[in-house]
PDB file of N, CA and C in Angstrom:
ATOM      1  N   MET A   1     111.767 100.797 128.647  1.00  0.00           N
ATOM      2  CA  MET A   1     111.309 101.003 130.004  1.00  0.00           C
ATOM      3  C   MET A   1     112.439 101.698 130.767  1.00  0.00           C
ATOM      4  N   SER A   2     112.088 102.704 131.547  1.00  0.00           N
ATOM      5  CA  SER A   2     113.109 103.444 132.288  1.00  0.00           C
ATOM      6  C   SER A   2     113.602 102.639 133.483  1.00  0.00           C
ATOM      7  N   LEU A   3     114.818 102.984 133.957  1.00  0.00           N
ATOM      8  CA  LEU A   3     115.397 102.310 135.118  1.00  0.00           C
ATOM      9  C   LEU A   3     114.518 102.515 136.341  1.00  0.00           C
ATOM     10  N   ARG A   4     113.939 103.719 136.483  1.00  0.00           N
ATOM     11  CA  ARG A   4     113.065 104.016 137.619  1.00  0.00           C
ATOM     12  C   ARG A   4     111.854 103.079 137.626  1.00  0.00           C
ATOM     13  N   ARG A   5     111.277 102.846 136.452  1.00  0.00           N
ATOM     14  CA  ARG A   5     110.109 101.980 136.357  1.00  0.00           C
ATOM     15  C   ARG A   5     110.481 100.520 136.640  1.00  0.00           C
ATOM     16  N   VAL A   6     111.646 100.083 136.150  1.00  0.00           N
ATOM     17  CA  VAL A   6     112.102  98.724 136.409  1.00  0.00           C
ATOM     18  C   VAL A   6     112.291  98.520 137.905  1.00  0.00           C
ATOM     19  N   LEU A   7     112.920  99.483 138.580  1.00  0.00           N
ATOM     20  CA  LEU A   7     113.117  99.393 140.022  1.00  0.00           C
ATOM     21  C   LEU A   7     111.791  99.394 140.764  1.00  0.00           C
ATOM     22  N   ALA A   8     110.865 100.236 140.339  1.00  0.00           N
ATOM     23  CA  ALA A   8     109.549 100.295 140.986  1.00  0.00           C
ATOM     24  C   ALA A   8     108.822  98.968 140.805  1.00  0.00           C
ATOM     25  N   THR A   9     108.877  98.403 139.606  1.00  0.00           N
ATOM     26  CA  THR A   9     108.230  97.130 139.338  1.00  0.00           C
ATOM     27  C   THR A   9     108.885  96.019 140.157  1.00  0.00           C
ATOM     28  N   SER A  10     110.207  96.039 140.205  1.00  0.00           N
ATOM     29  CA  SER A  10     110.940  95.041 140.971  1.00  0.00           C
ATOM     30  C   SER A  10     110.597  95.137 142.451  1.00  0.00           C
ATOM     31  N   THR A  11     110.533  96.363 142.983  1.00  0.00           N
ATOM     32  CA  THR A  11     110.204  96.574 144.388  1.00  0.00           C
ATOM     33  C   THR A  11     108.789  96.103 144.676  1.00  0.00           C
ATOM     34  N   THR A  12     107.863  96.404 143.785  1.00  0.00           N
ATOM     35  CA  THR A  12     106.477  95.971 143.960  1.00  0.00           C
ATOM     36  C   THR A  12     106.391  94.443 143.940  1.00  0.00           C
ATOM     37  N   ALA A  13     107.100  93.816 143.011  1.00  0.00           N
ATOM     38  CA  ALA A  13     107.083  92.350 142.928  1.00  0.00           C
ATOM     39  C   ALA A  13     107.666  91.730 144.195  1.00  0.00           C
ATOM     40  N   THR A  14     108.741  92.313 144.694  1.00  0.00           N
ATOM     41  CA  THR A  14     109.351  91.816 145.933  1.00  0.00           C
ATOM     42  C   THR A  14     108.387  91.957 147.097  1.00  0.00           C
ATOM     43  N   ALA A  15     107.723  93.097 147.190  1.00  0.00           N
ATOM     44  CA  ALA A  15     106.760  93.331 148.266  1.00  0.00           C
ATOM     45  C   ALA A  15     105.598  92.347 148.170  1.00  0.00           C
ATOM     46  N   LEU A  16     105.096  92.100 146.963  1.00  0.00           N
ATOM     47  CA  LEU A  16     104.001  91.140 146.790  1.00  0.00           C
ATOM     48  C   LEU A  16     104.445  89.727 147.154  1.00  0.00           C
ATOM     49  N   ALA A  17     105.666  89.368 146.777  1.00  0.00           N
ATOM     50  CA  ALA A  17     106.174  88.044 147.127  1.00  0.00           C
ATOM     51  C   ALA A  17     106.264  87.899 148.636  1.00  0.00           C
ATOM     52  N   ALA A  18     106.710  88.939 149.322  1.00  0.00           N
ATOM     53  CA  ALA A  18     106.800  88.889 150.779  1.00  0.00           C
ATOM     54  C   ALA A  18     105.420  88.750 151.390  1.00  0.00           C
ATOM     55  N   LEU A  19     104.444  89.475 150.865  1.00  0.00           N
ATOM     56  CA  LEU A  19     103.079  89.370 151.377  1.00  0.00           C
ATOM     57  C   LEU A  19     102.511  87.976 151.138  1.00  0.00           C
ATOM     58  N   THR A  20     102.798  87.420 149.976  1.00  0.00           N
ATOM     59  CA  THR A  20     102.321  86.086 149.663  1.00  0.00           C
ATOM     60  C   THR A  20     102.931  85.066 150.627  1.00  0.00           C
ATOM     61  N   ALA A  21     104.223  85.225 150.925  1.00  0.00           N
ATOM     62  CA  ALA A  21     104.877  84.298 151.843  1.00  0.00           C
ATOM     63  C   ALA A  21     104.258  84.373 153.230  1.00  0.00           C
ATOM     64  N   VAL A  22     103.879  85.564 153.666  1.00  0.00           N
ATOM     65  CA  VAL A  22     103.262  85.735 154.975  1.00  0.00           C
ATOM     66  C   VAL A  22     101.869  85.108 154.981  1.00  0.00           C
ATOM     67  N   ALA A  23     101.206  85.117 153.828  1.00  0.00           N
ATOM     68  CA  ALA A  23      99.839  84.617 153.754  1.00  0.00           C
ATOM     69  C   ALA A  23      99.748  83.095 153.694  1.00  0.00           C
ATOM     70  N   VAL A  24     100.870  82.403 153.680  1.00  0.00           N
ATOM     71  CA  VAL A  24     100.845  80.931 153.641  1.00  0.00           C
ATOM     72  C   VAL A  24     100.195  80.416 154.916  1.00  0.00           C
ATOM     73  N   PRO A  25      99.230  79.515 154.816  1.00  0.00           N
ATOM     74  CA  PRO A  25      98.566  78.984 156.010  1.00  0.00           C
ATOM     75  C   PRO A  25      99.569  78.341 156.957  1.00  0.00           C
ATOM     76  N   ALA A  26      99.311  78.463 158.238  1.00  0.00           N
ATOM     77  CA  ALA A  26     100.211  77.923 159.264  1.00  0.00           C
ATOM     78  C   ALA A  26     100.410  76.422 159.104  1.00  0.00           C
ATOM     79  N   THR A  27      99.365  75.710 158.684  1.00  0.00           N
ATOM     80  CA  THR A  27      99.491  74.260 158.545  1.00  0.00           C
ATOM     81  C   THR A  27     100.468  73.897 157.439  1.00  0.00           C
ATOM     82  N   ALA A  28     100.446  74.632 156.342  1.00  0.00           N
ATOM     83  CA  ALA A  28     101.383  74.361 155.251  1.00  0.00           C
ATOM     84  C   ALA A  28     102.798  74.691 155.692  1.00  0.00           C
ATOM     85  N   GLU A  29     102.970  75.800 156.393  1.00  0.00           N
ATOM     86  CA  GLU A  29     104.292  76.197 156.870  1.00  0.00           C
ATOM     87  C   GLU A  29     104.815  75.174 157.871  1.00  0.00           C
ATOM     88  N   ALA A  30     103.962  74.689 158.756  1.00  0.00           N
ATOM     89  CA  ALA A  30     104.379  73.729 159.775  1.00  0.00           C
ATOM     90  C   ALA A  30     104.864  72.437 159.134  1.00  0.00           C
ATOM     91  N   SER A  31     104.209  72.001 158.069  1.00  0.00           N
ATOM     92  CA  SER A  31     104.616  70.753 157.441  1.00  0.00           C
ATOM     93  C   SER A  31     105.984  70.887 156.788  1.00  0.00           C
ATOM     94  N   VAL A  32     106.328  72.074 156.338  1.00  0.00           N
ATOM     95  CA  VAL A  32     107.636  72.299 155.745  1.00  0.00           C
ATOM     96  C   VAL A  32     108.697  72.354 156.833  1.00  0.00           C
ATOM     97  N   ILE A  33     108.418  73.025 157.917  1.00  0.00           N
ATOM     98  CA  ILE A  33     109.378  73.221 158.990  1.00  0.00           C
ATOM     99  C   ILE A  33     109.561  71.951 159.812  1.00  0.00           C
ATOM    100  N   GLN A  34     108.526  71.209 160.026  1.00  0.00           N
ATOM    101  CA  GLN A  34     108.569  70.086 160.955  1.00  0.00           C
ATOM    102  C   GLN A  34     109.048  68.785 160.314  1.00  0.00           C
ATOM    103  N   ILE A  35     110.179  68.843 159.652  1.00  0.00           N
ATOM    104  CA  ILE A  35     110.795  67.650 159.108  1.00  0.00           C
ATOM    105  C   ILE A  35     111.590  66.992 160.221  1.00  0.00           C
ATOM    106  N   CYS A  36     111.420  65.704 160.393  1.00  0.00           N
ATOM    107  CA  CYS A  36     112.115  64.972 161.440  1.00  0.00           C
ATOM    108  C   CYS A  36     113.454  64.492 160.916  1.00  0.00           C
ATOM    109  N   GLY A  37     114.524  64.961 161.552  1.00  0.00           N
ATOM    110  CA  GLY A  37     115.843  64.514 161.141  1.00  0.00           C
ATOM    111  C   GLY A  37     116.947  65.190 161.920  1.00  0.00           C
ATOM    112  N   VAL A  38     118.147  64.668 161.758  1.00  0.00           N
ATOM    113  CA  VAL A  38     119.320  65.213 162.422  1.00  0.00           C
ATOM    114  C   VAL A  38     119.897  66.305 161.533  1.00  0.00           C
ATOM    115  N   ARG A  39     120.083  67.468 162.102  1.00  0.00           N
ATOM    116  CA  ARG A  39     120.633  68.604 161.357  1.00  0.00           C
ATOM    117  C   ARG A  39     122.159  68.567 161.362  1.00  0.00           C
ATOM    118  N   SER A  40     122.758  69.475 160.614  1.00  0.00           N
ATOM    119  CA  SER A  40     124.217  69.488 160.451  1.00  0.00           C
ATOM    120  C   SER A  40     124.972  69.659 161.767  1.00  0.00           C
ATOM    121  N   ASN A  41     124.316  70.216 162.787  1.00  0.00           N
ATOM    122  CA  ASN A  41     124.969  70.383 164.097  1.00  0.00           C
ATOM    123  C   ASN A  41     124.839  69.143 164.979  1.00  0.00           C
ATOM    124  N   GLY A  42     124.262  68.071 164.441  1.00  0.00           N
ATOM    125  CA  GLY A  42     124.152  66.814 165.177  1.00  0.00           C
ATOM    126  C   GLY A  42     122.954  66.725 166.099  1.00  0.00           C
ATOM    127  N   VAL A  43     122.024  67.666 166.011  1.00  0.00           N
ATOM    128  CA  VAL A  43     120.843  67.689 166.871  1.00  0.00           C
ATOM    129  C   VAL A  43     119.628  67.192 166.087  1.00  0.00           C
ATOM    130  N   LEU A  44     118.868  66.304 166.702  1.00  0.00           N
ATOM    131  CA  LEU A  44     117.635  65.795 166.109  1.00  0.00           C
ATOM    132  C   LEU A  44     116.510  66.778 166.399  1.00  0.00           C
ATOM    133  N   TRP A  45     115.817  67.205 165.363  1.00  0.00           N
ATOM    134  CA  TRP A  45     114.589  67.987 165.489  1.00  0.00           C
ATOM    135  C   TRP A  45     113.471  67.103 164.979  1.00  0.00           C
ATOM    136  N   CYS A  46     112.413  66.980 165.778  1.00  0.00           N
ATOM    137  CA  CYS A  46     111.356  66.059 165.387  1.00  0.00           C
ATOM    138  C   CYS A  46     110.051  66.405 166.106  1.00  0.00           C
ATOM    139  N   GLY A  47     108.948  66.007 165.503  1.00  0.00           N
ATOM    140  CA  GLY A  47     107.665  66.113 166.171  1.00  0.00           C
ATOM    141  C   GLY A  47     107.622  65.146 167.341  1.00  0.00           C
ATOM    142  N   ASN A  48     106.809  65.467 168.315  1.00  0.00           N
ATOM    143  CA  ASN A  48     106.706  64.619 169.507  1.00  0.00           C
ATOM    144  C   ASN A  48     105.344  64.781 170.155  1.00  0.00           C
ATOM    145  N   ASN A  49     105.003  63.823 171.000  1.00  0.00           N
ATOM    146  CA  ASN A  49     103.770  63.904 171.778  1.00  0.00           C
ATOM    147  C   ASN A  49     103.949  64.961 172.864  1.00  0.00           C
ATOM    148  N   ALA A  50     102.888  65.646 173.167  1.00  0.00           N
ATOM    149  CA  ALA A  50     102.949  66.636 174.257  1.00  0.00           C
ATOM    150  C   ALA A  50     101.585  66.688 174.937  1.00  0.00           C
ATOM    151  N   PRO A  51     101.572  66.834 176.235  1.00  0.00           N
ATOM    152  CA  PRO A  51     102.739  66.907 177.109  1.00  0.00           C
ATOM    153  C   PRO A  51     103.364  65.523 177.315  1.00  0.00           C
ATOM    154  N   THR A  52     104.684  65.520 177.464  1.00  0.00           N
ATOM    155  CA  THR A  52     105.441  64.295 177.714  1.00  0.00           C
ATOM    156  C   THR A  52     106.337  64.505 178.925  1.00  0.00           C
ATOM    157  N   SER A  53     106.361  63.543 179.809  1.00  0.00           N
ATOM    158  CA  SER A  53     107.221  63.604 180.991  1.00  0.00           C
ATOM    159  C   SER A  53     108.674  63.434 180.585  1.00  0.00           C
ATOM    160  N   ILE A  54     109.531  64.269 181.141  1.00  0.00           N
ATOM    161  CA  ILE A  54     110.974  64.130 180.961  1.00  0.00           C
ATOM    162  C   ILE A  54     111.512  63.550 182.259  1.00  0.00           C
ATOM    163  N   ARG A  55     112.227  62.434 182.132  1.00  0.00           N
ATOM    164  CA  ARG A  55     112.710  61.710 183.312  1.00  0.00           C
ATOM    165  C   ARG A  55     114.219  61.886 183.490  1.00  0.00           C
ATOM    166  N   ASN A  56     114.651  61.795 184.750  1.00  0.00           N
ATOM    167  CA  ASN A  56     116.076  61.998 185.027  1.00  0.00           C
ATOM    168  C   ASN A  56     116.938  60.833 184.535  1.00  0.00           C
ATOM    169  N   TYR A  57     116.365  59.655 184.380  1.00  0.00           N
ATOM    170  CA  TYR A  57     117.047  58.486 183.834  1.00  0.00           C
ATOM    171  C   TYR A  57     116.151  57.871 182.765  1.00  0.00           C
ATOM    172  N   PRO A  58     116.722  57.140 181.816  1.00  0.00           N
ATOM    173  CA  PRO A  58     115.907  56.548 180.738  1.00  0.00           C
ATOM    174  C   PRO A  58     115.165  55.284 181.170  1.00  0.00           C
ATOM    175  N   HIS A  59     114.293  55.467 182.142  1.00  0.00           N
ATOM    176  CA  HIS A  59     113.522  54.330 182.672  1.00  0.00           C
ATOM    177  C   HIS A  59     112.101  54.795 183.002  1.00  0.00           C
ATOM    178  N   THR A  60     111.140  53.942 182.736  1.00  0.00           N
ATOM    179  CA  THR A  60     109.750  54.273 183.057  1.00  0.00           C
ATOM    180  C   THR A  60     109.493  54.141 184.552  1.00  0.00           C
ATOM    181  N   THR A  61     110.257  53.272 185.209  1.00  0.00           N
ATOM    182  CA  THR A  61     110.188  53.158 186.666  1.00  0.00           C
ATOM    183  C   THR A  61     111.577  53.468 187.202  1.00  0.00           C
ATOM    184  N   ASP A  62     111.705  53.678 188.463  1.00  0.00           N
ATOM    185  CA  ASP A  62     113.001  53.997 189.079  1.00  0.00           C
ATOM    186  C   ASP A  62     113.623  55.273 188.526  1.00  0.00           C
ATOM    187  N   SER A  63     112.799  56.205 188.083  1.00  0.00           N
ATOM    188  CA  SER A  63     113.295  57.517 187.666  1.00  0.00           C
ATOM    189  C   SER A  63     112.216  58.550 188.008  1.00  0.00           C
ATOM    190  N   TRP A  64     112.662  59.781 188.160  1.00  0.00           N
ATOM    191  CA  TRP A  64     111.755  60.867 188.532  1.00  0.00           C
ATOM    192  C   TRP A  64     111.462  61.745 187.339  1.00  0.00           C
ATOM    193  N   GLN A  65     110.250  62.295 187.323  1.00  0.00           N
ATOM    194  CA  GLN A  65     109.931  63.293 186.317  1.00  0.00           C
ATOM    195  C   GLN A  65     110.609  64.597 186.737  1.00  0.00           C
ATOM    196  N   VAL A  66     111.478  65.129 185.867  1.00  0.00           N
ATOM    197  CA  VAL A  66     112.189  66.361 186.189  1.00  0.00           C
ATOM    198  C   VAL A  66     111.636  67.572 185.452  1.00  0.00           C
ATOM    199  N   ASP A  67     110.858  67.331 184.409  1.00  0.00           N
ATOM    200  CA  ASP A  67     110.286  68.435 183.635  1.00  0.00           C
ATOM    201  C   ASP A  67     109.226  67.868 182.702  1.00  0.00           C
ATOM    202  N   THR A  68     108.659  68.737 181.867  1.00  0.00           N
ATOM    203  CA  THR A  68     107.644  68.331 180.906  1.00  0.00           C
ATOM    204  C   THR A  68     107.968  68.945 179.548  1.00  0.00           C
ATOM    205  N   LEU A  69     107.807  68.151 178.510  1.00  0.00           N
ATOM    206  CA  LEU A  69     107.947  68.617 177.141  1.00  0.00           C
ATOM    207  C   LEU A  69     106.550  69.006 176.675  1.00  0.00           C
ATOM    208  N   ARG A  70     106.324  70.292 176.469  1.00  0.00           N
ATOM    209  CA  ARG A  70     104.988  70.777 176.103  1.00  0.00           C
ATOM    210  C   ARG A  70     104.863  71.142 174.634  1.00  0.00           C
ATOM    211  N   THR A  71     105.973  71.384 173.971  1.00  0.00           N
ATOM    212  CA  THR A  71     105.932  71.706 172.553  1.00  0.00           C
ATOM    213  C   THR A  71     105.743  70.422 171.752  1.00  0.00           C
ATOM    214  N   THR A  72     105.237  70.547 170.546  1.00  0.00           N
ATOM    215  CA  THR A  72     105.006  69.368 169.711  1.00  0.00           C
ATOM    216  C   THR A  72     106.070  69.211 168.625  1.00  0.00           C
ATOM    217  N   TYR A  73     107.063  70.072 168.637  1.00  0.00           N
ATOM    218  CA  TYR A  73     108.210  69.970 167.736  1.00  0.00           C
ATOM    219  C   TYR A  73     109.416  70.395 168.555  1.00  0.00           C
ATOM    220  N   SER A  74     110.332  69.477 168.817  1.00  0.00           N
ATOM    221  CA  SER A  74     111.403  69.720 169.777  1.00  0.00           C
ATOM    222  C   SER A  74     112.735  69.213 169.267  1.00  0.00           C
ATOM    223  N   TRP A  75     113.787  69.558 170.007  1.00  0.00           N
ATOM    224  CA  TRP A  75     115.133  69.088 169.682  1.00  0.00           C
ATOM    225  C   TRP A  75     115.586  68.070 170.717  1.00  0.00           C
ATOM    226  N   PHE A  76     116.438  67.162 170.256  1.00  0.00           N
ATOM    227  CA  PHE A  76     116.973  66.094 171.093  1.00  0.00           C
ATOM    228  C   PHE A  76     118.461  66.008 170.773  1.00  0.00           C
ATOM    229  N   ASN A  77     119.309  66.123 171.802  1.00  0.00           N
ATOM    230  CA  ASN A  77     120.737  66.240 171.516  1.00  0.00           C
ATOM    231  C   ASN A  77     121.507  64.922 171.533  1.00  0.00           C
ATOM    232  N   CYS A  78     120.916  63.842 172.041  1.00  0.00           N
ATOM    233  CA  CYS A  78     121.582  62.542 172.007  1.00  0.00           C
ATOM    234  C   CYS A  78     120.571  61.450 172.354  1.00  0.00           C
ATOM    235  N   TRP A  79     121.025  60.220 172.300  1.00  0.00           N
ATOM    236  CA  TRP A  79     120.150  59.079 172.604  1.00  0.00           C
ATOM    237  C   TRP A  79     120.912  58.090 173.485  1.00  0.00           C
ATOM    238  N   THR A  80     120.165  57.233 174.131  1.00  0.00           N
ATOM    239  CA  THR A  80     120.738  56.163 174.932  1.00  0.00           C
ATOM    240  C   THR A  80     119.733  55.019 175.003  1.00  0.00           C
ATOM    241  N   THR A  81     120.143  53.934 175.618  1.00  0.00           N
ATOM    242  CA  THR A  81     119.209  52.836 175.841  1.00  0.00           C
ATOM    243  C   THR A  81     118.763  52.860 177.296  1.00  0.00           C
ATOM    244  N   GLY A  82     117.577  52.370 177.516  1.00  0.00           N
ATOM    245  CA  GLY A  82     116.996  52.327 178.852  1.00  0.00           C
ATOM    246  C   GLY A  82     115.979  51.217 178.921  1.00  0.00           C
ATOM    247  N   SER A  83     114.967  51.441 179.721  1.00  0.00           N
ATOM    248  CA  SER A  83     113.948  50.400 179.871  1.00  0.00           C
ATOM    249  C   SER A  83     113.040  50.338 178.641  1.00  0.00           C
ATOM    250  N   LEU A  84     112.457  49.163 178.460  1.00  0.00           N
ATOM    251  CA  LEU A  84     111.493  48.947 177.386  1.00  0.00           C
ATOM    252  C   LEU A  84     110.301  49.862 177.612  1.00  0.00           C
ATOM    253  N   HIS A  85     109.827  50.494 176.546  1.00  0.00           N
ATOM    254  CA  HIS A  85     108.686  51.410 176.660  1.00  0.00           C
ATOM    255  C   HIS A  85     107.621  51.029 175.634  1.00  0.00           C
ATOM    256  N   ALA A  86     106.564  51.796 175.575  1.00  0.00           N
ATOM    257  CA  ALA A  86     105.416  51.492 174.713  1.00  0.00           C
ATOM    258  C   ALA A  86     105.765  51.398 173.233  1.00  0.00           C
ATOM    259  N   GLY A  87     106.885  51.955 172.816  1.00  0.00           N
ATOM    260  CA  GLY A  87     107.305  51.883 171.421  1.00  0.00           C
ATOM    261  C   GLY A  87     107.893  50.535 171.042  1.00  0.00           C
ATOM    262  N   GLY A  88     108.056  49.651 172.036  1.00  0.00           N
ATOM    263  CA  GLY A  88     108.569  48.324 171.769  1.00  0.00           C
ATOM    264  C   GLY A  88     110.082  48.258 171.625  1.00  0.00           C
ATOM    265  N   ASN A  89     110.776  49.326 172.044  1.00  0.00           N
ATOM    266  CA  ASN A  89     112.240  49.307 172.003  1.00  0.00           C
ATOM    267  C   ASN A  89     112.788  49.950 173.280  1.00  0.00           C
ATOM    268  N   ARG A  90     114.081  50.089 173.368  1.00  0.00           N
ATOM    269  CA  ARG A  90     114.734  50.639 174.557  1.00  0.00           C
ATOM    270  C   ARG A  90     115.455  51.965 174.272  1.00  0.00           C
ATOM    271  N   THR A  91     115.093  52.627 173.181  1.00  0.00           N
ATOM    272  CA  THR A  91     115.732  53.887 172.805  1.00  0.00           C
ATOM    273  C   THR A  91     115.054  55.054 173.510  1.00  0.00           C
ATOM    274  N   TRP A  92     115.869  55.918 174.102  1.00  0.00           N
ATOM    275  CA  TRP A  92     115.411  57.131 174.782  1.00  0.00           C
ATOM    276  C   TRP A  92     116.206  58.310 174.254  1.00  0.00           C
ATOM    277  N   TYR A  93     115.549  59.458 174.139  1.00  0.00           N
ATOM    278  CA  TYR A  93     116.189  60.670 173.624  1.00  0.00           C
ATOM    279  C   TYR A  93     116.296  61.722 174.720  1.00  0.00           C
ATOM    280  N   LYS A  94     117.442  62.397 174.754  1.00  0.00           N
ATOM    281  CA  LYS A  94     117.668  63.428 175.770  1.00  0.00           C
ATOM    282  C   LYS A  94     117.285  64.798 175.223  1.00  0.00           C
ATOM    283  N   THR A  95     116.599  65.566 176.055  1.00  0.00           N
ATOM    284  CA  THR A  95     116.159  66.903 175.681  1.00  0.00           C
ATOM    285  C   THR A  95     116.074  67.773 176.925  1.00  0.00           C
ATOM    286  N   THR A  96     115.608  68.987 176.744  1.00  0.00           N
ATOM    287  CA  THR A  96     115.430  69.932 177.839  1.00  0.00           C
ATOM    288  C   THR A  96     113.958  70.301 177.923  1.00  0.00           C
ATOM    289  N   GLY A  97     113.435  70.323 179.130  1.00  0.00           N
ATOM    290  CA  GLY A  97     112.008  70.572 179.338  1.00  0.00           C
ATOM    291  C   GLY A  97     111.591  72.019 179.153  1.00  0.00           C
ATOM    292  N   ASP A  98     110.299  72.203 179.011  1.00  0.00           N
ATOM    293  CA  ASP A  98     109.722  73.520 178.776  1.00  0.00           C
ATOM    294  C   ASP A  98     109.324  74.251 180.055  1.00  0.00           C
ATOM    295  N   ASP A  99     109.101  73.540 181.136  1.00  0.00           N
ATOM    296  CA  ASP A  99     108.645  74.195 182.360  1.00  0.00           C
ATOM    297  C   ASP A  99     109.790  74.755 183.202  1.00  0.00           C
ATOM    298  N   HIS A 100     110.857  73.957 183.365  1.00  0.00           N
ATOM    299  CA  HIS A 100     111.941  74.346 184.279  1.00  0.00           C
ATOM    300  C   HIS A 100     113.308  74.377 183.621  1.00  0.00           C
ATOM    301  N   GLY A 101     113.398  73.974 182.356  1.00  0.00           N
ATOM    302  CA  GLY A 101     114.684  73.931 181.670  1.00  0.00           C
ATOM    303  C   GLY A 101     115.573  72.796 182.129  1.00  0.00           C
ATOM    304  N   ALA A 102     114.984  71.772 182.737  1.00  0.00           N
ATOM    305  CA  ALA A 102     115.746  70.618 183.215  1.00  0.00           C
ATOM    306  C   ALA A 102     115.949  69.622 182.076  1.00  0.00           C
ATOM    307  N   SER A 103     117.135  69.027 182.030  1.00  0.00           N
ATOM    308  CA  SER A 103     117.441  68.026 181.007  1.00  0.00           C
ATOM    309  C   SER A 103     117.067  66.636 181.504  1.00  0.00           C
ATOM    310  N   GLY A 104     116.666  65.804 180.573  1.00  0.00           N
ATOM    311  CA  GLY A 104     116.315  64.439 180.910  1.00  0.00           C
ATOM    312  C   GLY A 104     115.946  63.664 179.662  1.00  0.00           C
ATOM    313  N   PHE A 105     115.295  62.541 179.857  1.00  0.00           N
ATOM    314  CA  PHE A 105     115.045  61.592 178.779  1.00  0.00           C
ATOM    315  C   PHE A 105     113.560  61.359 178.542  1.00  0.00           C
ATOM    316  N   VAL A 106     113.223  61.182 177.266  1.00  0.00           N
ATOM    317  CA  VAL A 106     111.865  60.790 176.882  1.00  0.00           C
ATOM    318  C   VAL A 106     111.983  59.507 176.053  1.00  0.00           C
ATOM    319  N   PRO A 107     111.004  58.614 176.167  1.00  0.00           N
ATOM    320  CA  PRO A 107     111.064  57.375 175.387  1.00  0.00           C
ATOM    321  C   PRO A 107     110.850  57.659 173.903  1.00  0.00           C
ATOM    322  N   ALA A 108     111.449  56.837 173.061  1.00  0.00           N
ATOM    323  CA  ALA A 108     111.286  56.992 171.615  1.00  0.00           C
ATOM    324  C   ALA A 108     109.816  56.939 171.206  1.00  0.00           C
ATOM    325  N   ALA A 109     108.982  56.272 171.993  1.00  0.00           N
ATOM    326  CA  ALA A 109     107.552  56.198 171.678  1.00  0.00           C
ATOM    327  C   ALA A 109     106.905  57.581 171.656  1.00  0.00           C
ATOM    328  N   ALA A 110     107.491  58.553 172.352  1.00  0.00           N
ATOM    329  CA  ALA A 110     106.940  59.902 172.402  1.00  0.00           C
ATOM    330  C   ALA A 110     107.489  60.802 171.297  1.00  0.00           C
ATOM    331  N   VAL A 111     108.492  60.326 170.583  1.00  0.00           N
ATOM    332  CA  VAL A 111     109.127  61.096 169.509  1.00  0.00           C
ATOM    333  C   VAL A 111     108.714  60.474 168.181  1.00  0.00           C
ATOM    334  N   HIS A 112     108.417  61.289 167.189  1.00  0.00           N
ATOM    335  CA  HIS A 112     107.870  60.800 165.928  1.00  0.00           C
ATOM    336  C   HIS A 112     108.945  60.320 164.954  1.00  0.00           C
ATOM    337  N   THR A 113     109.907  59.593 165.457  1.00  0.00           N
ATOM    338  CA  THR A 113     110.932  58.971 164.626  1.00  0.00           C
ATOM    339  C   THR A 113     110.410  57.628 164.120  1.00  0.00           C
ATOM    340  N   SER A 114     111.031  57.132 163.064  1.00  0.00           N
ATOM    341  CA  SER A 114     110.632  55.826 162.535  1.00  0.00           C
ATOM    342  C   SER A 114     111.278  54.721 163.363  1.00  0.00           C
ATOM    343  N   SER A 115     110.758  53.518 163.246  1.00  0.00           N
ATOM    344  CA  SER A 115     111.342  52.397 163.989  1.00  0.00           C
ATOM    345  C   SER A 115     112.760  52.111 163.503  1.00  0.00           C
ATOM    346  N   SER A 116     113.042  52.342 162.222  1.00  0.00           N
ATOM    347  CA  SER A 116     114.405  52.130 161.723  1.00  0.00           C
ATOM    348  C   SER A 116     115.357  53.175 162.299  1.00  0.00           C
ATOM    349  N   PHE A 117     114.885  54.386 162.500  1.00  0.00           N
ATOM    350  CA  PHE A 117     115.708  55.416 163.144  1.00  0.00           C
ATOM    351  C   PHE A 117     115.982  55.028 164.588  1.00  0.00           C
ATOM    352  N   ASP A 118     114.939  54.621 165.308  1.00  0.00           N
ATOM    353  CA  ASP A 118     115.084  54.223 166.714  1.00  0.00           C
ATOM    354  C   ASP A 118     116.021  53.030 166.887  1.00  0.00           C
ATOM    355  N   ALA A 119     116.080  52.157 165.890  1.00  0.00           N
ATOM    356  CA  ALA A 119     116.934  50.976 165.977  1.00  0.00           C
ATOM    357  C   ALA A 119     118.419  51.347 166.041  1.00  0.00           C
ATOM    358  N   ASP A 120     118.806  52.465 165.402  1.00  0.00           N
ATOM    359  CA  ASP A 120     120.209  52.900 165.422  1.00  0.00           C
ATOM    360  C   ASP A 120     120.296  54.390 165.105  1.00  0.00           C
ATOM    361  N   PRO A 121     119.965  55.255 166.076  1.00  0.00           N
ATOM    362  CA  PRO A 121     120.021  56.707 165.829  1.00  0.00           C
ATOM    363  C   PRO A 121     121.409  57.191 165.416  1.00  0.00           C
ATOM    364  N   SER A 122     122.465  56.518 165.854  1.00  0.00           N
ATOM    365  CA  SER A 122     123.829  56.931 165.481  1.00  0.00           C
ATOM    366  C   SER A 122     124.057  56.809 163.984  1.00  0.00           C
ATOM    367  N   ALA A 123     123.425  55.839 163.358  1.00  0.00           N
ATOM    368  CA  ALA A 123     123.561  55.653 161.898  1.00  0.00           C
ATOM    369  C   ALA A 123     122.970  56.838 161.142  1.00  0.00           C
ATOM    370  N   HIS A 124     122.118  57.594 161.804  1.00  0.00           N
ATOM    371  CA  HIS A 124     121.480  58.753 161.183  1.00  0.00           C
ATOM    372  C   HIS A 124     122.139  60.058 161.623  1.00  0.00           C
ATOM    373  N   GLY A 125     123.218  59.969 162.376  1.00  0.00           N
ATOM    374  CA  GLY A 125     123.968  61.162 162.758  1.00  0.00           C
ATOM    375  C   GLY A 125     123.755  61.683 164.157  1.00  0.00           C
ATOM    376  N   LEU A 126     122.921  61.017 164.961  1.00  0.00           N
ATOM    377  CA  LEU A 126     122.684  61.458 166.331  1.00  0.00           C
ATOM    378  C   LEU A 126     123.648  60.725 167.263  1.00  0.00           C
ATOM    379  N   ARG A 127     124.374  61.481 168.064  1.00  0.00           N
ATOM    380  CA  ARG A 127     125.368  60.851 168.931  1.00  0.00           C
ATOM    381  C   ARG A 127     124.704  60.152 170.112  1.00  0.00           C
ATOM    382  N   ARG A 128     125.423  59.183 170.635  1.00  0.00           N
ATOM    383  CA  ARG A 128     124.961  58.470 171.822  1.00  0.00           C
ATOM    384  C   ARG A 128     125.369  59.285 173.058  1.00  0.00           C
ATOM    385  N   CYS A 129     124.492  59.356 174.056  1.00  0.00           N
ATOM    386  CA  CYS A 129     124.785  60.117 175.283  1.00  0.00           C
ATOM    387  C   CYS A 129     125.869  59.427 176.096  1.00  0.00           C
TER     388      CYS A 129
END
């Protein structure tokens, strides 16, 4: 086989592989991308409920809504404790909202982390705020 033919075959195979990758259904791609965990930079990426209110303090009362989390896969840069929420714990995650870019807290009940993760996010690599 000539070098020209090998290169042509290789180029065609590469092009077909690229087309195949583009043809992957969005749902399959989303399941691969949307892994919940702390990345090497110390930021938690995880699925979440949306829309979710972002509060200026980690409390369901005595705090103001400063923004809204509208995406269903978001980043959270740290955690803290606050008031008890629907998730049955006091863990809150800090993030930045989608409407105004304001930072604030969402309850762990709105983030798709496991209860063992919520019990001690620092053990999984997420810093405390």
